Amino acid sequence: MSDDIQSPLTDEYLGEIDALSNLVESGQRMVDEGSSIDLSNLESAVGELCKRMAQTPPENPNAVMSAIEALVARLGSLGKALEAQSLKH
């Protein structure tokens, strides 16, 4: 299967990763505005997604890997913002 061909399962995983990325971006905006955020739901959602992908891998792992790498980068930025916020308080 070619890497540029999407499939229902890959699309499902990409949609979930996109939703998680949007959640992280929203959290980043809130932290930038000085608000506190609760990441407990994010942790469980990421854990469940990883568990499902381990049990049923995506048909296009390269597309999913790229999306995960982008999510991890966003999480890294959020982590730095949270660290900076904690130093202010």
Protein backbone atom coordinates (compact mmCIF):
# COMPACT_ATOMS: atom_id res chain seq x y z
CA MET A 1 0.00 0.00 0.00
CA SER A 2 1.37 3.42 -0.89
CA ASP A 3 2.07 5.88 1.91
CA ASP A 4 -0.16 8.53 0.35
CA ILE A 5 -3.27 6.33 0.33
CA GLN A 6 -5.51 6.90 3.33
CA SER A 7 -7.76 4.28 4.82
CA PRO A 8 -10.66 4.39 7.24
CA LEU A 9 -8.58 3.33 10.24
CA THR A 10 -5.73 5.69 9.41
CA ASP A 11 -8.25 8.51 8.93
CA GLU A 12 -9.82 7.69 12.29
CA TYR A 13 -6.46 7.80 14.06
CA LEU A 14 -5.49 11.03 12.27
CA GLY A 15 -8.81 12.58 13.31
CA GLU A 16 -8.22 11.67 16.93
CA ILE A 17 -4.66 12.99 16.84
CA ASP A 18 -5.93 16.21 15.27
CA ALA A 19 -8.52 16.57 18.04
CA LEU A 20 -5.80 16.03 20.65
CA SER A 21 -3.61 18.61 18.91
CA ASN A 22 -6.48 21.10 19.00
CA LEU A 23 -6.91 20.41 22.70
CA VAL A 24 -3.21 21.02 23.32
CA GLU A 25 -3.32 24.25 21.28
CA SER A 26 -6.33 25.40 23.29
CA GLY A 27 -4.45 24.60 26.49
CA GLN A 28 -1.45 26.53 25.19
CA ARG A 29 -3.63 29.60 24.60
CA MET A 30 -5.10 29.32 28.09
CA VAL A 31 -1.66 29.03 29.69
CA ASP A 32 -0.42 31.97 27.63
CA GLU A 33 -3.36 33.97 29.03
CA GLY A 34 -2.38 32.97 32.58
CA SER A 35 -5.04 30.33 33.19
CA SER A 36 -4.46 26.97 34.82
CA ILE A 37 -5.31 23.82 32.90
CA ASP A 38 -6.05 20.21 33.81
CA LEU A 39 -4.30 17.67 31.57
CA SER A 40 -5.75 14.53 33.14
CA ASN A 41 -8.24 13.97 30.30
CA LEU A 42 -5.48 14.43 27.75
CA GLU A 43 -3.33 11.77 29.38
CA SER A 44 -6.10 9.18 29.35
CA ALA A 45 -7.11 10.02 25.76
CA VAL A 46 -3.51 9.67 24.52
CA GLY A 47 -3.12 6.42 26.46
CA GLU A 48 -6.27 4.93 24.95
CA LEU A 49 -5.27 5.98 21.44
CA CYS A 50 -1.81 4.46 21.84
CA LYS A 51 -3.29 1.25 23.20
CA ARG A 52 -5.67 0.94 20.23
CA MET A 53 -2.92 1.69 17.72
CA ALA A 54 -0.71 -0.96 19.29
CA GLN A 55 -3.54 -3.51 19.05
CA THR A 56 -4.63 -2.48 15.55
CA PRO A 57 -1.87 -0.58 13.74
CA PRO A 58 -2.84 2.01 11.12
CA GLU A 59 -2.68 1.01 7.48
CA ASN A 60 -0.55 4.10 6.78
CA PRO A 61 1.88 4.29 9.70
CA ASN A 62 3.95 7.09 8.13
CA ALA A 63 1.01 9.50 8.07
CA VAL A 64 0.12 8.66 11.65
CA MET A 65 3.76 8.96 12.76
CA SER A 66 4.00 12.45 11.25
CA ALA A 67 0.85 13.52 13.08
CA ILE A 68 2.13 12.05 16.35
CA GLU A 69 5.45 13.85 15.95
CA ALA A 70 3.60 17.15 15.48
CA LEU A 71 1.48 16.42 18.57
CA VAL A 72 4.60 15.65 20.61
CA ALA A 73 6.15 18.94 19.49
CA ARG A 74 3.01 20.81 20.59
CA LEU A 75 3.07 18.99 23.92
CA GLY A 76 6.70 20.01 24.35
CA SER A 77 5.79 23.65 23.78
CA LEU A 78 2.91 23.36 26.22
CA GLY A 79 5.22 21.78 28.78
CA LYS A 80 7.64 24.71 28.49
CA ALA A 81 4.76 27.17 28.85
CA LEU A 82 3.51 25.35 31.95
CA GLU A 83 6.99 25.36 33.43
CA ALA A 84 7.34 29.09 32.79
CA GLN A 85 3.89 29.67 34.30
CA SER A 86 4.82 27.74 37.45
CA LEU A 87 7.95 29.84 37.90
CA LYS A 88 5.82 33.00 37.86
CA HIS A 89 3.61 31.80 40.73
